[in-house]
Amino acid sequence: MDLTADGAVAPQLPNSQEATELRAALKHLRSDPRGWVFTLKFTLCALLTAGGVAMALRPEWGWRVAGVVLIGCMFAHAAELQHETLHNLAYRSRRLNTVTGVVLGLPMLISFAAYKATHMRHHRDLGTPMNREFFDYGDQYGLEERSKFGSFVDWAVRFTMVHHYALFVVNLGRSLLGRDFSGESVRVSRRIRRDHRLALALLLLLSALSWWLHSAVVVWVWLLPLVLVAGPVHALIELPEHYDCETLNRDPFANTRTIRSNRVLTWFTNSNNFHVEHHLMPNLPLERLPDLHAEVRGRIRYFNRGYLEYFGKLLRK
């Protein structure tokens, strides 16, 4: 039985013997996390975010708009970096993965503990009716028949990420009241409360700074980048992962999509575009996913040669 880096059971191919043989043949790809690589990615994200903040606080509107866009994109990128920490693949230290993951999730109001618990179950349950994802987009995988108006509402819900923000508010209330969370252990519930309280503290700190400076700092460097840029960009990154795939099929070559993109987008999505490969070997460091792709490319059912190709086909559908 294969395990993820978090100890969860890795998803199995339909034929367990085939799965065992395939993973055994690919075991040469396994390696330990290289913390210095992730530190470089984290540092670059922080520097670009700082640059965006400097731009957003300038008086010229052109600079402000560019700053908001850059900050929002880095918030979305931070969520992709956080995904690596969920699997304990950023550093060898579990504690360092947790601390870094909590920090990376704050800009988009993502509880590291809640995301991790839900995401590990997603890896376990994908291909079954039990599958649930942390981010709720309504018609998650495009499986329901909708009218034109219904489809418009679905896409609006997805790209505004309204469910995510509403859930944050509800969970923040539970956290402030000291309540546990349904389906989660006492320990995980305690960690979820921690994450929500930290996010509230950061929001209050930025609000206090805005009041002290008599400037809408919190609006320009957090709220506008979050709502107008980070949310839609994050939804765009996540959309191709399983949308219109065979999500009731346990085979990761059938229930997940890979997009072979350029180096910039592979960096920006933190190799999330190699999503079949990630579900096949979730304990493999993300920088090794292109190597795994070279080994299994011919088996992948849902494959696109770039995001433009994927979204072009989706729009024409």
Protein backbone atom coordinates (compact mmCIF):
# COMPACT_ATOMS: atom_id res chain seq x y z
CA MET A 1 0.00 0.00 0.00
CA ASP A 2 1.42 3.40 -1.02
CA LEU A 3 1.12 6.36 1.33
CA THR A 4 1.28 10.08 0.73
CA ALA A 5 3.79 12.20 2.61
CA ASP A 6 1.04 12.90 5.15
CA GLY A 7 0.36 9.23 5.77
CA ALA A 8 -2.86 9.10 3.76
CA VAL A 9 -3.53 6.21 1.43
CA ALA A 10 -2.48 7.09 -2.11
CA PRO A 11 -5.14 6.68 -4.85
CA GLN A 12 -5.05 3.31 -6.55
CA LEU A 13 -5.43 2.43 -10.20
CA PRO A 14 -8.33 0.06 -11.02
CA ASN A 15 -5.98 -2.92 -11.19
CA SER A 16 -3.95 -3.00 -7.96
CA GLN A 17 -1.32 -5.27 -9.52
CA GLU A 18 -0.91 -2.82 -12.40
CA ALA A 19 -0.63 0.05 -9.93
CA THR A 20 2.01 -1.75 -7.89
CA GLU A 21 4.05 -2.58 -10.98
CA LEU A 22 3.78 0.95 -12.36
CA ARG A 23 4.87 2.64 -9.13
CA ALA A 24 7.68 0.13 -8.70
CA ALA A 25 8.90 0.94 -12.19
CA LEU A 26 8.84 4.65 -11.33
CA LYS A 27 10.44 4.44 -7.91
CA HIS A 28 13.68 5.92 -9.28
CA LEU A 29 11.86 9.27 -9.43
CA ARG A 30 11.33 9.41 -5.67
CA SER A 31 13.48 11.88 -3.75
CA ASP A 32 13.40 13.84 -0.50
CA PRO A 33 12.12 17.43 -0.39
CA ARG A 34 14.79 20.02 -1.15
CA GLY A 35 14.03 22.81 1.28
CA TRP A 36 16.30 25.31 -0.42
CA VAL A 37 14.28 25.01 -3.63
CA PHE A 38 11.04 25.82 -1.84
CA THR A 39 12.72 28.64 0.09
CA LEU A 40 13.68 30.23 -3.23
CA LYS A 41 10.09 29.94 -4.46
CA PHE A 42 8.73 31.38 -1.22
CA THR A 43 11.24 34.26 -1.29
CA LEU A 44 10.45 35.14 -4.90
CA CYS A 45 6.73 35.19 -4.09
CA ALA A 46 7.36 37.46 -1.09
CA LEU A 47 9.54 39.86 -3.10
CA LEU A 48 7.02 40.12 -5.95
CA THR A 49 4.24 40.71 -3.42
CA ALA A 50 6.29 43.45 -1.76
CA GLY A 51 6.85 45.02 -5.15
CA GLY A 52 3.12 44.93 -5.80
CA VAL A 53 2.45 46.60 -2.44
CA ALA A 54 4.90 49.39 -3.26
CA MET A 55 3.12 49.92 -6.59
CA ALA A 56 -0.38 49.80 -5.11
CA LEU A 57 0.45 52.48 -2.55
CA ARG A 58 1.69 54.99 -5.14
CA PRO A 59 -0.67 57.89 -5.90
CA GLU A 60 -0.77 57.28 -9.67
CA TRP A 61 -3.74 55.14 -10.72
CA GLY A 62 -1.80 53.21 -13.32
CA TRP A 63 0.71 52.06 -10.74
CA ARG A 64 -2.08 51.23 -8.29
CA VAL A 65 -3.95 49.04 -10.73
CA ALA A 66 -0.75 47.23 -11.75
CA GLY A 67 0.10 46.74 -8.07
CA VAL A 68 -3.32 45.28 -7.28
CA VAL A 69 -3.01 42.84 -10.20
CA LEU A 70 0.50 41.77 -9.16
CA ILE A 71 -0.47 41.31 -5.50
CA GLY A 72 -3.56 39.31 -6.46
CA CYS A 73 -1.56 37.03 -8.75
CA MET A 74 0.95 36.43 -5.96
CA PHE A 75 -1.87 35.61 -3.53
CA ALA A 76 -3.04 32.93 -5.99
CA HIS A 77 0.54 31.73 -6.46
CA ALA A 78 0.93 31.51 -2.67
CA ALA A 79 -2.08 29.18 -2.56
CA GLU A 80 -0.31 26.91 -5.05
CA LEU A 81 2.83 26.97 -2.90
CA GLN A 82 0.67 26.16 0.12
CA HIS A 83 -0.53 23.03 -1.70
CA GLU A 84 3.05 21.75 -1.62
CA THR A 85 3.21 22.20 2.16
CA LEU A 86 -0.05 20.24 2.62
CA HIS A 87 1.80 17.16 1.40
CA ASN A 88 4.90 17.94 3.51
CA LEU A 89 6.87 18.24 0.28
CA ALA A 90 8.30 21.74 0.80
CA TYR A 91 10.63 20.80 3.67
CA ARG A 92 11.63 17.64 5.47
CA SER A 93 10.40 19.16 8.75
CA ARG A 94 6.66 18.72 9.30
CA ARG A 95 6.63 21.75 11.60
CA LEU A 96 8.31 23.95 8.99
CA ASN A 97 5.79 22.81 6.38
CA THR A 98 2.99 23.76 8.76
CA VAL A 99 4.34 27.19 9.67
CA THR A 100 5.06 28.05 6.04
CA GLY A 101 1.72 26.68 4.91
CA VAL A 102 -0.21 28.74 7.47
CA VAL A 103 1.55 31.93 6.31
CA LEU A 104 0.96 31.19 2.63
CA GLY A 105 -2.76 30.64 3.20
CA LEU A 106 -3.45 33.87 5.08
CA PRO A 107 -3.71 36.21 2.04
CA MET A 108 -6.56 34.15 0.55
CA LEU A 109 -8.17 33.34 3.91
CA ILE A 110 -7.29 29.66 3.52
CA SER A 111 -7.04 27.68 6.73
CA PHE A 112 -4.00 25.43 6.37
CA ALA A 113 -5.45 22.84 8.77
CA ALA A 114 -8.88 22.73 7.10
CA TYR A 115 -7.40 22.64 3.60
CA LYS A 116 -4.97 19.87 4.53
CA ALA A 117 -7.63 17.65 6.12
CA THR A 118 -10.01 18.11 3.19
CA HIS A 119 -7.31 17.74 0.55
CA MET A 120 -6.02 14.45 1.95
CA ARG A 121 -9.56 13.09 1.84
CA HIS A 122 -9.86 14.35 -1.75
CA HIS A 123 -6.82 12.26 -2.71
CA ARG A 124 -8.31 9.26 -0.95
CA ASP A 125 -11.88 9.61 -2.28
CA LEU A 126 -11.43 10.92 -5.83
CA GLY A 127 -13.27 8.56 -8.15
CA THR A 128 -16.01 7.86 -5.61
CA PRO A 129 -19.25 9.66 -4.59
CA MET A 130 -17.51 10.49 -1.28
CA ASN A 131 -15.11 12.91 -2.98
CA ARG A 132 -15.24 16.51 -1.75
CA GLU A 133 -12.87 19.41 -2.34
CA PHE A 134 -11.93 22.28 -0.06
CA PHE A 135 -12.95 24.99 -2.53
CA ASP A 136 -16.67 24.76 -3.34
CA TYR A 137 -17.56 26.01 -6.81
CA GLY A 138 -21.11 24.71 -6.93
CA ASP A 139 -21.16 22.48 -10.03
CA GLN A 140 -17.59 21.43 -9.23
CA TYR A 141 -16.87 19.24 -12.24
CA GLY A 142 -19.40 20.37 -14.85
CA LEU A 143 -21.53 17.25 -14.46
CA GLU A 144 -24.97 18.88 -14.18
CA GLU A 145 -27.25 19.99 -16.99
CA ARG A 146 -27.91 23.73 -16.69
CA SER A 147 -29.92 26.39 -18.49
CA LYS A 148 -27.98 29.34 -19.89
CA PHE A 149 -28.92 31.38 -16.84
CA GLY A 150 -27.98 28.52 -14.52
CA SER A 151 -24.63 28.19 -16.25
CA PHE A 152 -24.04 31.93 -15.90
CA VAL A 153 -24.77 31.71 -12.17
CA ASP A 154 -22.45 28.71 -11.80
CA TRP A 155 -19.57 30.50 -13.51
CA ALA A 156 -20.20 33.66 -11.49
CA VAL A 157 -20.12 31.65 -8.27
CA ARG A 158 -16.92 29.91 -9.34
CA PHE A 159 -14.97 33.02 -10.31
CA THR A 160 -16.11 35.18 -7.40
CA MET A 161 -15.34 32.30 -4.98
CA VAL A 162 -18.34 33.46 -2.96
CA HIS A 163 -18.68 30.06 -1.24
CA HIS A 164 -15.10 30.26 0.03
CA TYR A 165 -15.55 33.70 1.58
CA ALA A 166 -18.91 32.74 3.11
CA LEU A 167 -17.39 29.59 4.59
CA PHE A 168 -14.52 31.63 6.04
CA VAL A 169 -16.99 33.94 7.81
CA VAL A 170 -18.97 31.00 9.20
CA ASN A 171 -15.83 29.18 10.35
CA LEU A 172 -14.42 32.38 11.84
CA GLY A 173 -17.57 32.64 13.95
CA ARG A 174 -17.16 29.05 15.11
CA SER A 175 -13.50 29.71 15.87
CA LEU A 176 -14.24 32.77 17.97
CA LEU A 177 -16.84 30.76 19.90
CA GLY A 178 -14.31 27.95 20.46
CA ARG A 179 -16.43 25.32 18.72
CA ASP A 180 -15.19 22.17 17.00
CA PHE A 181 -15.79 21.45 13.31
CA SER A 182 -18.03 18.70 12.03
CA GLY A 183 -16.10 15.70 10.70
CA GLU A 184 -12.79 16.87 12.13
CA SER A 185 -10.91 15.66 15.19
CA VAL A 186 -10.47 17.82 18.27
CA ARG A 187 -6.83 18.45 17.29
CA VAL A 188 -7.65 19.46 13.71
CA SER A 189 -10.50 21.66 14.96
CA ARG A 190 -8.11 23.42 17.29
CA ARG A 191 -5.73 24.09 14.40
CA ILE A 192 -8.55 25.36 12.19
CA ARG A 193 -9.53 27.82 14.94
CA ARG A 194 -5.89 28.94 15.11
CA ASP A 195 -5.77 29.70 11.38
CA HIS A 196 -8.98 31.72 11.39
CA ARG A 197 -7.94 33.75 14.41
CA LEU A 198 -4.60 34.53 12.76
CA ALA A 199 -6.38 35.73 9.61
CA LEU A 200 -8.66 37.94 11.71
CA ALA A 201 -5.66 39.35 13.61
CA LEU A 202 -3.92 40.21 10.32
CA LEU A 203 -7.05 41.88 8.97
CA LEU A 204 -7.43 43.94 12.15
CA LEU A 205 -3.75 44.89 12.07
CA LEU A 206 -3.96 46.15 8.49
CA SER A 207 -7.21 47.97 9.30
CA ALA A 208 -5.53 49.68 12.28
CA LEU A 209 -2.59 50.64 10.06
CA SER A 210 -5.02 52.14 7.54
CA TRP A 211 -6.70 54.18 10.28
CA TRP A 212 -3.37 55.37 11.66
CA LEU A 213 -2.08 56.42 8.24
CA HIS A 214 -5.47 57.85 7.18
CA SER A 215 -5.15 55.71 4.06
CA ALA A 216 -7.08 52.73 2.66
CA VAL A 217 -4.01 50.47 2.89
CA VAL A 218 -6.02 47.35 3.74
CA VAL A 219 -8.22 47.91 0.68
CA TRP A 220 -5.39 48.40 -1.81
CA VAL A 221 -2.96 45.73 -0.58
CA TRP A 222 -5.43 43.02 0.48
CA LEU A 223 -9.14 43.32 -0.18
CA LEU A 224 -9.07 44.48 -3.81
CA PRO A 225 -6.26 42.06 -4.83
CA LEU A 226 -8.09 39.23 -3.07
CA VAL A 227 -11.58 39.73 -4.49
CA LEU A 228 -10.82 41.13 -7.95
CA VAL A 229 -7.71 39.16 -8.88
CA ALA A 230 -6.69 36.31 -6.58
CA GLY A 231 -10.12 34.66 -6.45
CA PRO A 232 -10.72 34.51 -10.22
CA VAL A 233 -7.10 33.54 -10.96
CA HIS A 234 -7.19 30.75 -8.39
CA ALA A 235 -10.47 29.47 -9.85
CA LEU A 236 -8.90 29.46 -13.32
CA ILE A 237 -5.93 27.44 -12.05
CA GLU A 238 -8.13 24.85 -10.35
CA LEU A 239 -10.78 24.55 -13.07
CA PRO A 240 -8.95 22.17 -15.45
CA GLU A 241 -7.83 19.71 -12.73
CA HIS A 242 -10.91 17.46 -12.87
CA TYR A 243 -13.52 19.45 -14.78
CA ASP A 244 -15.30 17.31 -17.40
CA CYS A 245 -13.14 14.31 -16.46
CA GLU A 246 -14.42 10.89 -15.33
CA THR A 247 -14.65 11.82 -11.66
CA LEU A 248 -16.40 8.56 -10.69
CA ASN A 249 -13.54 6.53 -12.13
CA ARG A 250 -10.79 5.56 -9.66
CA ASP A 251 -8.13 5.65 -12.37
CA PRO A 252 -6.12 8.93 -12.05
CA PHE A 253 -5.41 8.71 -15.79
CA ALA A 254 -9.16 9.13 -16.33
CA ASN A 255 -10.38 11.34 -13.47
CA THR A 256 -7.72 14.07 -13.73
CA ARG A 257 -6.28 16.35 -16.43
CA THR A 258 -2.71 17.35 -17.23
CA ILE A 259 -1.79 20.48 -19.17
CA ARG A 260 1.73 20.69 -20.55
CA SER A 261 2.44 24.41 -20.36
CA ASN A 262 5.39 26.78 -20.62
CA ARG A 263 7.92 27.32 -17.85
CA VAL A 264 6.34 30.55 -16.60
CA LEU A 265 2.92 29.01 -16.04
CA THR A 266 4.45 25.83 -14.64
CA TRP A 267 6.23 28.04 -12.09
CA PHE A 268 3.11 30.13 -11.45
CA THR A 269 0.90 27.08 -10.84
CA ASN A 270 3.76 25.37 -8.95
CA SER A 271 3.57 22.39 -11.32
CA ASN A 272 -0.18 22.05 -10.66
CA ASN A 273 -0.60 21.66 -14.42
CA PHE A 274 0.89 18.15 -14.08
CA HIS A 275 -2.14 17.11 -12.09
CA VAL A 276 -2.53 13.52 -13.28
CA GLU A 277 1.06 12.92 -12.24
CA HIS A 278 0.42 14.48 -8.82
CA HIS A 279 -2.57 12.21 -8.16
CA LEU A 280 -0.64 9.19 -9.40
CA MET A 281 2.29 9.80 -7.04
CA PRO A 282 1.20 12.43 -4.47
CA ASN A 283 4.33 11.93 -2.36
CA LEU A 284 6.62 12.92 -5.25
CA PRO A 285 8.26 16.39 -4.95
CA LEU A 286 6.47 18.71 -7.35
CA GLU A 287 9.61 19.64 -9.26
CA ARG A 288 9.87 15.95 -10.28
CA LEU A 289 6.40 15.90 -11.86
CA PRO A 290 7.71 16.84 -15.35
CA ASP A 291 10.00 13.78 -15.13
CA LEU A 292 7.04 11.60 -14.19
CA HIS A 293 5.05 13.13 -17.06
CA ALA A 294 7.68 11.93 -19.52
CA GLU A 295 7.17 8.38 -18.25
CA VAL A 296 3.34 8.26 -18.34
CA ARG A 297 2.31 10.73 -21.05
CA GLY A 298 0.85 8.01 -23.30
CA ARG A 299 -1.55 6.78 -20.60
CA ILE A 300 -3.22 10.16 -19.88
CA ARG A 301 -6.75 10.47 -21.29
CA TYR A 302 -7.33 14.16 -20.61
CA PHE A 303 -4.35 16.13 -21.86
CA ASN A 304 -3.88 19.61 -23.33
CA ARG A 305 -0.83 21.28 -24.84
CA GLY A 306 -1.29 24.56 -22.99
CA TYR A 307 -3.85 26.57 -21.06
CA LEU A 308 -4.84 28.52 -24.18
CA GLU A 309 -5.72 25.28 -25.92
CA TYR A 310 -7.72 24.06 -22.91
CA PHE A 311 -9.73 27.25 -22.36
CA GLY A 312 -10.20 27.72 -26.09
CA LYS A 313 -11.86 24.30 -26.31
CA LEU A 314 -13.90 25.01 -23.18
CA LEU A 315 -15.24 28.27 -24.61
CA ARG A 316 -16.14 26.59 -27.89
CA LYS A 317 -17.95 23.77 -26.13
